[in-house]
C-alpha atoms as a PDB file:
ATOM      1  CA  MET A   1      23.935 -60.576 109.222  1.00  0.00           C
ATOM      2  CA  SER A   2      26.177 -58.713 106.350  1.00  0.00           C
ATOM      3  CA  PRO A   3      27.970 -55.483 107.412  1.00  0.00           C
ATOM      4  CA  ARG A   4      25.212 -53.551 105.857  1.00  0.00           C
ATOM      5  CA  ALA A   5      22.733 -54.928 107.915  1.00  0.00           C
ATOM      6  CA  TRP A   6      24.834 -54.573 110.857  1.00  0.00           C
ATOM      7  CA  ILE A   7      24.828 -50.637 109.854  1.00  0.00           C
ATOM      8  CA  LEU A   8      21.590 -50.636 109.218  1.00  0.00           C
ATOM      9  CA  PHE A   9      20.494 -52.307 112.939  1.00  0.00           C
ATOM     10  CA  ALA A  10      22.572 -49.665 114.534  1.00  0.00           C
ATOM     11  CA  LEU A  11      20.885 -46.597 112.773  1.00  0.00           C
ATOM     12  CA  SER A  12      17.716 -48.059 113.214  1.00  0.00           C
ATOM     13  CA  SER A  13      18.677 -48.987 117.074  1.00  0.00           C
ATOM     14  CA  VAL A  14      18.913 -45.463 117.392  1.00  0.00           C
ATOM     15  CA  ILE A  15      16.522 -43.652 115.116  1.00  0.00           C
ATOM     16  CA  TRP A  16      13.492 -46.091 116.909  1.00  0.00           C
ATOM     17  CA  GLY A  17      14.936 -45.472 120.415  1.00  0.00           C
ATOM     18  CA  VAL A  18      14.021 -41.600 120.207  1.00  0.00           C
ATOM     19  CA  PRO A  19      10.353 -41.368 119.430  1.00  0.00           C
ATOM     20  CA  TYR A  20       9.404 -42.270 122.980  1.00  0.00           C
ATOM     21  CA  LEU A  21      11.095 -39.124 124.448  1.00  0.00           C
ATOM     22  CA  PHE A  22       9.756 -36.656 121.911  1.00  0.00           C
ATOM     23  CA  ILE A  23       6.083 -37.883 122.160  1.00  0.00           C
ATOM     24  CA  LYS A  24       6.406 -37.385 125.701  1.00  0.00           C
ATOM     25  CA  ILE A  25       7.766 -34.010 125.347  1.00  0.00           C
ATOM     26  CA  ALA A  26       4.587 -33.044 122.837  1.00  0.00           C
ATOM     27  CA  VAL A  27       2.055 -34.792 124.812  1.00  0.00           C
ATOM     28  CA  ASP A  28       3.358 -33.024 128.058  1.00  0.00           C
ATOM     29  CA  ALA A  29       3.425 -29.386 126.247  1.00  0.00           C
ATOM     30  CA  GLY A  30      -0.574 -29.827 125.665  1.00  0.00           C
ATOM     31  CA  LEU A  31      -0.618 -31.418 121.946  1.00  0.00           C
ATOM     32  CA  ALA A  32      -3.240 -33.775 121.541  1.00  0.00           C
ATOM     33  CA  PRO A  33      -2.113 -37.532 120.897  1.00  0.00           C
ATOM     34  CA  ALA A  34      -4.196 -37.583 117.999  1.00  0.00           C
ATOM     35  CA  PHE A  35      -2.231 -34.554 116.462  1.00  0.00           C
ATOM     36  CA  VAL A  36       0.937 -35.564 117.549  1.00  0.00           C
ATOM     37  CA  ALA A  37       0.693 -38.885 115.686  1.00  0.00           C
ATOM     38  CA  TRP A  38      -1.006 -37.050 112.549  1.00  0.00           C
ATOM     39  CA  SER A  39       1.599 -34.205 112.194  1.00  0.00           C
ATOM     40  CA  ARG A  40       4.584 -36.416 112.256  1.00  0.00           C
ATOM     41  CA  ILE A  41       2.922 -38.741 109.493  1.00  0.00           C
ATOM     42  CA  ALA A  42       2.276 -35.875 107.495  1.00  0.00           C
ATOM     43  CA  LEU A  43       5.408 -34.474 107.565  1.00  0.00           C
ATOM     44  CA  GLY A  44       7.182 -37.739 106.663  1.00  0.00           C
ATOM     45  CA  ALA A  45       4.574 -37.942 103.665  1.00  0.00           C
ATOM     46  CA  VAL A  46       5.226 -34.545 102.602  1.00  0.00           C
ATOM     47  CA  LEU A  47       9.371 -35.095 102.542  1.00  0.00           C
ATOM     48  CA  LEU A  48       9.290 -38.445 101.239  1.00  0.00           C
ATOM     49  CA  VAL A  49       6.393 -38.336  98.604  1.00  0.00           C
ATOM     50  CA  PRO A  50       8.407 -36.082  96.425  1.00  0.00           C
ATOM     51  CA  ILE A  51      11.478 -38.037  96.296  1.00  0.00           C
ATOM     52  CA  ALA A  52       9.870 -41.051  95.460  1.00  0.00           C
ATOM     53  CA  TRP A  53       8.270 -39.406  92.646  1.00  0.00           C
ATOM     54  CA  ARG A  54      11.426 -38.357  91.353  1.00  0.00           C
ATOM     55  CA  ARG A  55      12.989 -41.634  91.541  1.00  0.00           C
ATOM     56  CA  GLY A  56      10.228 -43.361  90.155  1.00  0.00           C
ATOM     57  CA  ALA A  57      10.020 -45.664  93.160  1.00  0.00           C
ATOM     58  CA  LEU A  58       6.091 -45.157  93.079  1.00  0.00           C
ATOM     59  CA  ARG A  59       5.853 -46.832  89.833  1.00  0.00           C
ATOM     60  CA  GLY A  60       6.474 -50.371  91.446  1.00  0.00           C
ATOM     61  CA  LEU A  61       3.414 -50.003  93.554  1.00  0.00           C
ATOM     62  CA  ARG A  62       0.695 -51.457  90.815  1.00  0.00           C
ATOM     63  CA  GLY A  63      -1.206 -54.397  92.212  1.00  0.00           C
ATOM     64  CA  ARG A  64       0.139 -54.259  95.993  1.00  0.00           C
ATOM     65  CA  ALA A  65      -2.678 -51.672  97.048  1.00  0.00           C
ATOM     66  CA  GLY A  66      -3.760 -54.421  99.911  1.00  0.00           C
ATOM     67  CA  ALA A  67       0.094 -54.701 101.216  1.00  0.00           C
ATOM     68  CA  ILE A  68       0.337 -51.061 101.328  1.00  0.00           C
ATOM     69  CA  VAL A  69      -2.737 -50.160 103.276  1.00  0.00           C
ATOM     70  CA  ALA A  70      -2.043 -53.091 105.473  1.00  0.00           C
ATOM     71  CA  TYR A  71       1.462 -52.002 106.288  1.00  0.00           C
ATOM     72  CA  ALA A  72       0.230 -48.185 106.500  1.00  0.00           C
ATOM     73  CA  ALA A  73      -2.155 -49.817 109.313  1.00  0.00           C
ATOM     74  CA  CYS A  74       0.225 -51.674 110.943  1.00  0.00           C
ATOM     75  CA  GLU A  75       3.484 -49.811 110.983  1.00  0.00           C
ATOM     76  CA  VAL A  76       2.423 -46.062 111.072  1.00  0.00           C
ATOM     77  CA  ALA A  77      -1.642 -45.454 111.676  1.00  0.00           C
ATOM     78  CA  VAL A  78      -2.291 -47.792 114.578  1.00  0.00           C
ATOM     79  CA  PRO A  79       0.695 -47.907 116.596  1.00  0.00           C
ATOM     80  CA  PHE A  80       1.653 -44.020 116.675  1.00  0.00           C
ATOM     81  CA  VAL A  81      -1.858 -43.389 117.484  1.00  0.00           C
ATOM     82  CA  LEU A  82      -1.890 -45.827 120.303  1.00  0.00           C
ATOM     83  CA  ILE A  83       1.433 -44.884 121.411  1.00  0.00           C
ATOM     84  CA  ALA A  84       1.078 -41.445 121.421  1.00  0.00           C
ATOM     85  CA  ILE A  85      -2.141 -41.954 123.912  1.00  0.00           C
ATOM     86  CA  GLY A  86      -0.357 -44.592 126.147  1.00  0.00           C
ATOM     87  CA  GLU A  87       2.596 -42.197 126.611  1.00  0.00           C
ATOM     88  CA  GLN A  88       0.072 -39.811 128.911  1.00  0.00           C
ATOM     89  CA  TYR A  89       0.533 -42.476 131.377  1.00  0.00           C
ATOM     90  CA  LEU A  90       3.673 -43.800 130.882  1.00  0.00           C
ATOM     91  CA  THR A  91       7.326 -42.717 131.173  1.00  0.00           C
ATOM     92  CA  SER A  92       9.143 -43.136 127.852  1.00  0.00           C
ATOM     93  CA  SER A  93      11.470 -45.844 129.338  1.00  0.00           C
ATOM     94  CA  LEU A  94       8.587 -48.104 130.154  1.00  0.00           C
ATOM     95  CA  THR A  95       7.123 -47.627 127.023  1.00  0.00           C
ATOM     96  CA  ALA A  96      10.095 -48.811 125.397  1.00  0.00           C
ATOM     97  CA  ILE A  97      10.338 -51.575 127.416  1.00  0.00           C
ATOM     98  CA  LEU A  98       6.642 -52.909 126.698  1.00  0.00           C
ATOM     99  CA  ILE A  99       7.376 -52.661 122.880  1.00  0.00           C
ATOM    100  CA  ALA A 100      10.699 -54.640 123.282  1.00  0.00           C
ATOM    101  CA  THR A 101       8.443 -57.404 123.392  1.00  0.00           C
ATOM    102  CA  MET A 102       8.320 -57.178 119.738  1.00  0.00           C
ATOM    103  CA  PRO A 103      10.724 -59.640 118.784  1.00  0.00           C
ATOM    104  CA  LEU A 104       8.924 -62.618 120.635  1.00  0.00           C
ATOM    105  CA  LEU A 105       5.534 -61.545 119.149  1.00  0.00           C
ATOM    106  CA  VAL A 106       7.468 -61.231 115.386  1.00  0.00           C
ATOM    107  CA  ALA A 107       8.761 -64.921 116.464  1.00  0.00           C
ATOM    108  CA  LEU A 108       5.288 -66.219 117.177  1.00  0.00           C
ATOM    109  CA  LEU A 109       3.581 -64.818 114.147  1.00  0.00           C
ATOM    110  CA  SER A 110       6.501 -65.724 111.874  1.00  0.00           C
ATOM    111  CA  VAL A 111       5.670 -69.393 112.462  1.00  0.00           C
ATOM    112  CA  ARG A 112       2.010 -69.056 110.966  1.00  0.00           C
ATOM    113  CA  PHE A 113       3.001 -66.561 108.204  1.00  0.00           C
ATOM    114  CA  SER A 114       6.491 -66.512 107.297  1.00  0.00           C
ATOM    115  CA  PRO A 115       7.741 -70.018 107.180  1.00  0.00           C
ATOM    116  CA  ALA A 116      11.208 -69.109 106.089  1.00  0.00           C
ATOM    117  CA  ASP A 117      11.766 -66.822 109.128  1.00  0.00           C
ATOM    118  CA  ARG A 118      10.429 -69.449 111.784  1.00  0.00           C
ATOM    119  CA  PRO A 119      12.609 -69.008 114.798  1.00  0.00           C
ATOM    120  CA  THR A 120      14.149 -72.175 116.456  1.00  0.00           C
ATOM    121  CA  GLY A 121      14.068 -72.872 119.929  1.00  0.00           C
ATOM    122  CA  LEU A 122      17.129 -71.778 120.860  1.00  0.00           C
ATOM    123  CA  ARG A 123      16.385 -68.481 119.201  1.00  0.00           C
ATOM    124  CA  LEU A 124      13.241 -67.868 121.300  1.00  0.00           C
ATOM    125  CA  LEU A 125      15.052 -69.190 124.443  1.00  0.00           C
ATOM    126  CA  GLY A 126      17.385 -66.167 123.510  1.00  0.00           C
ATOM    127  CA  LEU A 127      14.777 -63.335 122.992  1.00  0.00           C
ATOM    128  CA  VAL A 128      13.561 -64.504 126.323  1.00  0.00           C
ATOM    129  CA  ILE A 129      16.659 -63.617 127.977  1.00  0.00           C
ATOM    130  CA  GLY A 130      17.100 -60.447 125.721  1.00  0.00           C
ATOM    131  CA  LEU A 131      13.690 -59.071 126.966  1.00  0.00           C
ATOM    132  CA  GLY A 132      14.471 -60.261 130.757  1.00  0.00           C
ATOM    133  CA  GLY A 133      17.936 -58.526 130.279  1.00  0.00           C
ATOM    134  CA  VAL A 134      16.236 -55.208 129.428  1.00  0.00           C
ATOM    135  CA  VAL A 135      13.892 -55.187 132.283  1.00  0.00           C
ATOM    136  CA  VAL A 136      16.572 -55.811 134.670  1.00  0.00           C
ATOM    137  CA  LEU A 137      18.863 -52.954 133.096  1.00  0.00           C
ATOM    138  CA  LEU A 138      16.324 -50.402 133.083  1.00  0.00           C
ATOM    139  CA  GLY A 139      13.774 -51.739 135.999  1.00  0.00           C
ATOM    140  CA  LEU A 140      10.096 -52.281 135.696  1.00  0.00           C
ATOM    141  CA  ASP A 141       8.506 -49.413 137.395  1.00  0.00           C
ATOM    142  CA  VAL A 142       4.772 -49.989 137.685  1.00  0.00           C
ATOM    143  CA  ALA A 143       2.383 -48.678 140.266  1.00  0.00           C
ATOM    144  CA  GLY A 144      -0.856 -50.936 138.901  1.00  0.00           C
ATOM    145  CA  ARG A 145      -2.842 -47.492 138.569  1.00  0.00           C
ATOM    146  CA  ARG A 146      -5.911 -48.006 136.327  1.00  0.00           C
ATOM    147  CA  ASP A 147      -4.690 -45.425 133.817  1.00  0.00           C
ATOM    148  CA  GLU A 148      -1.439 -46.908 133.877  1.00  0.00           C
ATOM    149  CA  LEU A 149      -2.758 -50.289 132.983  1.00  0.00           C
ATOM    150  CA  LEU A 150      -4.697 -48.674 130.337  1.00  0.00           C
ATOM    151  CA  GLY A 151      -1.738 -46.924 128.663  1.00  0.00           C
ATOM    152  CA  ALA A 152       0.117 -50.459 128.916  1.00  0.00           C
ATOM    153  CA  ALA A 153      -2.558 -52.331 127.003  1.00  0.00           C
ATOM    154  CA  LEU A 154      -2.747 -49.482 124.180  1.00  0.00           C
ATOM    155  CA  VAL A 155       1.207 -49.703 123.916  1.00  0.00           C
ATOM    156  CA  LEU A 156       1.232 -53.573 123.701  1.00  0.00           C
ATOM    157  CA  VAL A 157      -1.829 -53.475 121.281  1.00  0.00           C
ATOM    158  CA  ALA A 158       0.585 -51.043 118.992  1.00  0.00           C
ATOM    159  CA  THR A 159       3.436 -53.353 119.842  1.00  0.00           C
ATOM    160  CA  LEU A 160       1.197 -56.418 118.081  1.00  0.00           C
ATOM    161  CA  ALA A 161       0.710 -54.213 115.107  1.00  0.00           C
ATOM    162  CA  TYR A 162       4.545 -53.075 114.842  1.00  0.00           C
ATOM    163  CA  ALA A 163       5.301 -57.291 114.748  1.00  0.00           C
ATOM    164  CA  ALA A 164       2.894 -57.909 112.145  1.00  0.00           C
ATOM    165  CA  ALA A 165       4.551 -55.014 109.895  1.00  0.00           C
ATOM    166  CA  PRO A 166       7.935 -56.379 109.208  1.00  0.00           C
ATOM    167  CA  ILE A 167       6.066 -59.839 108.251  1.00  0.00           C
ATOM    168  CA  ILE A 168       4.122 -57.646 105.450  1.00  0.00           C
ATOM    169  CA  VAL A 169       7.213 -56.229 104.066  1.00  0.00           C
ATOM    170  CA  ARG A 170       9.165 -59.842 103.913  1.00  0.00           C
ATOM    171  CA  ARG A 171       6.026 -61.157 102.314  1.00  0.00           C
ATOM    172  CA  ARG A 172       4.658 -58.644 100.137  1.00  0.00           C
ATOM    173  CA  VAL A 173       7.106 -55.754  99.050  1.00  0.00           C
ATOM    174  CA  ALA A 174      10.779 -56.422 100.236  1.00  0.00           C
ATOM    175  CA  ASP A 175      11.482 -56.520  96.147  1.00  0.00           C
ATOM    176  CA  LEU A 176      10.908 -52.597  95.824  1.00  0.00           C
ATOM    177  CA  ASP A 177      12.744 -49.451  96.216  1.00  0.00           C
ATOM    178  CA  PRO A 178      11.636 -48.695  99.973  1.00  0.00           C
ATOM    179  CA  LEU A 179      10.514 -45.181  99.092  1.00  0.00           C
ATOM    180  CA  GLY A 180       7.781 -46.295  97.492  1.00  0.00           C
ATOM    181  CA  PRO A 181       5.997 -48.349  99.914  1.00  0.00           C
ATOM    182  CA  VAL A 182       7.184 -46.250 102.590  1.00  0.00           C
ATOM    183  CA  ALA A 183       5.890 -42.858 100.650  1.00  0.00           C
ATOM    184  CA  ALA A 184       2.746 -44.663 100.083  1.00  0.00           C
ATOM    185  CA  SER A 185       1.915 -46.012 103.437  1.00  0.00           C
ATOM    186  CA  LEU A 186       2.845 -42.291 105.106  1.00  0.00           C
ATOM    187  CA  VAL A 187      -0.073 -40.870 102.352  1.00  0.00           C
ATOM    188  CA  VAL A 188      -2.485 -43.512 103.322  1.00  0.00           C
ATOM    189  CA  ALA A 189      -2.021 -43.190 107.048  1.00  0.00           C
ATOM    190  CA  THR A 190      -2.212 -39.124 106.462  1.00  0.00           C
ATOM    191  CA  VAL A 191      -5.666 -39.517 105.053  1.00  0.00           C
ATOM    192  CA  ALA A 192      -6.931 -42.155 107.298  1.00  0.00           C
ATOM    193  CA  LEU A 193      -6.093 -40.088 110.286  1.00  0.00           C
ATOM    194  CA  LEU A 194      -6.953 -36.500 108.968  1.00  0.00           C
ATOM    195  CA  PRO A 195     -10.394 -36.563 110.602  1.00  0.00           C
ATOM    196  CA  ALA A 196      -8.816 -37.255 114.132  1.00  0.00           C
ATOM    197  CA  GLY A 197      -5.778 -34.459 113.599  1.00  0.00           C
ATOM    198  CA  LEU A 198      -8.184 -31.997 112.443  1.00  0.00           C
ATOM    199  CA  THR A 199     -10.421 -32.447 115.915  1.00  0.00           C
ATOM    200  CA  ALA A 200      -7.348 -32.404 117.802  1.00  0.00           C
ATOM    201  CA  LEU A 201      -5.780 -29.390 116.439  1.00  0.00           C
ATOM    202  CA  PRO A 202      -3.711 -26.924 119.387  1.00  0.00           C
ATOM    203  CA  HIS A 203      -5.965 -23.925 120.121  1.00  0.00           C
ATOM    204  CA  GLY A 204      -2.617 -21.322 119.504  1.00  0.00           C
ATOM    205  CA  VAL A 205       0.846 -21.732 118.348  1.00  0.00           C
ATOM    206  CA  PRO A 206       2.602 -24.878 120.045  1.00  0.00           C
ATOM    207  CA  GLY A 207       5.874 -23.677 121.946  1.00  0.00           C
ATOM    208  CA  PRO A 208       9.205 -24.327 120.674  1.00  0.00           C
ATOM    209  CA  ALA A 209       9.769 -27.978 122.782  1.00  0.00           C
ATOM    210  CA  ALA A 210       6.393 -29.157 121.017  1.00  0.00           C
ATOM    211  CA  LEU A 211       7.408 -27.718 117.638  1.00  0.00           C
ATOM    212  CA  GLY A 212      10.859 -29.117 117.854  1.00  0.00           C
ATOM    213  CA  SER A 213       9.610 -32.635 118.998  1.00  0.00           C
ATOM    214  CA  ILE A 214       7.492 -32.902 116.081  1.00  0.00           C
ATOM    215  CA  LEU A 215       9.931 -31.644 113.593  1.00  0.00           C
ATOM    216  CA  VAL A 216      12.357 -34.538 114.984  1.00  0.00           C
ATOM    217  CA  LEU A 217       9.169 -37.046 114.987  1.00  0.00           C
ATOM    218  CA  GLY A 218       8.351 -36.481 111.510  1.00  0.00           C
ATOM    219  CA  ILE A 219      11.868 -36.216 109.758  1.00  0.00           C
ATOM    220  CA  VAL A 220      14.083 -38.487 111.788  1.00  0.00           C
ATOM    221  CA  CYS A 221      11.793 -40.916 113.633  1.00  0.00           C
ATOM    222  CA  THR A 222       9.230 -41.224 110.670  1.00  0.00           C
ATOM    223  CA  ALA A 223      10.918 -40.246 107.143  1.00  0.00           C
ATOM    224  CA  LEU A 224      14.170 -41.490 108.040  1.00  0.00           C
ATOM    225  CA  GLY A 225      13.443 -44.177 110.215  1.00  0.00           C
ATOM    226  CA  LEU A 226      10.839 -45.956 108.247  1.00  0.00           C
ATOM    227  CA  VAL A 227      13.162 -46.288 105.296  1.00  0.00           C
ATOM    228  CA  VAL A 228      16.096 -47.205 107.038  1.00  0.00           C
ATOM    229  CA  PHE A 229      14.051 -50.142 109.126  1.00  0.00           C
ATOM    230  CA  PHE A 230      12.879 -51.374 105.680  1.00  0.00           C
ATOM    231  CA  GLN A 231      15.932 -51.825 104.172  1.00  0.00           C
ATOM    232  CA  LEU A 232      16.908 -53.634 107.492  1.00  0.00           C
ATOM    233  CA  ILE A 233      14.137 -56.007 107.212  1.00  0.00           C
ATOM    234  CA  ALA A 234      14.967 -56.477 103.431  1.00  0.00           C
ATOM    235  CA  GLU A 235      18.259 -57.345 104.295  1.00  0.00           C
ATOM    236  CA  ALA A 236      18.075 -59.192 107.546  1.00  0.00           C
ATOM    237  CA  GLY A 237      14.423 -60.275 107.582  1.00  0.00           C
ATOM    238  CA  PRO A 238      11.531 -59.726 110.562  1.00  0.00           C
ATOM    239  CA  SER A 239      12.715 -61.705 113.068  1.00  0.00           C
ATOM    240  CA  ARG A 240      16.566 -60.040 113.142  1.00  0.00           C
ATOM    241  CA  ALA A 241      15.256 -56.591 112.295  1.00  0.00           C
ATOM    242  CA  SER A 242      12.732 -56.654 115.169  1.00  0.00           C
ATOM    243  CA  VAL A 243      15.247 -57.221 117.857  1.00  0.00           C
ATOM    244  CA  ILE A 244      16.304 -53.320 117.441  1.00  0.00           C
ATOM    245  CA  THR A 245      13.601 -52.855 120.207  1.00  0.00           C
ATOM    246  CA  TYR A 246      16.012 -54.344 122.850  1.00  0.00           C
ATOM    247  CA  VAL A 247      18.515 -51.494 122.088  1.00  0.00           C
ATOM    248  CA  ASN A 248      15.372 -48.925 121.702  1.00  0.00           C
ATOM    249  CA  PRO A 249      15.021 -48.809 125.745  1.00  0.00           C
ATOM    250  CA  LEU A 250      18.503 -47.665 126.422  1.00  0.00           C
ATOM    251  CA  VAL A 251      18.119 -44.718 123.938  1.00  0.00           C
ATOM    252  CA  ALA A 252      14.747 -43.649 125.042  1.00  0.00           C
ATOM    253  CA  VAL A 253      16.006 -43.491 128.641  1.00  0.00           C
END
């Protein structure tokens, strides 16, 4: 990878390792998972849309509505909600370990949908070894309770959605200014999840820990994180970009 790609990789590794902790804090503080997901997405949209508008980044989206909706579903709406629900039953480190299966899923999807990024047998072996290393380093503490298994299943579905997102970027919108697709996808996800967010509004003013978590999730993990990761996908390809999930668990712990 180029020096720029390595910088983007390092930034993404840290930024995408942080959410699991703050989602856990917000949910444990009493905020509903649907509200946590919707509020971070809405905050990210409020921050990025004006910037994208001023830069003219939204003009390039004409004719790509389908790609934006698919990206919004796979990168934002579906995983944010499922992970927030799943983390009610899982630790943040276990959540990160489950999401570390993403590179393998990206590799498998690339065989069919992104031939240019089709992995070699050696790379697949390396991905399996890398995932094994993550599990060994962090330990796989699974009690096998029904609620824990449900949480794990939800996070794995979210991971499959995450795996599809970089391929959508690579095939359909990698040539655009990242601010345009990211801002538009956040608007789509905000509108799509609005009913769920409104039905899950907190009864009172959230405490400092919950509010702080939402701010970090919206500003750093959503607005900044999506833009940086989008650039990494365009620079290094979906397979290499997804390997950040091998580093995320170390941050999540």
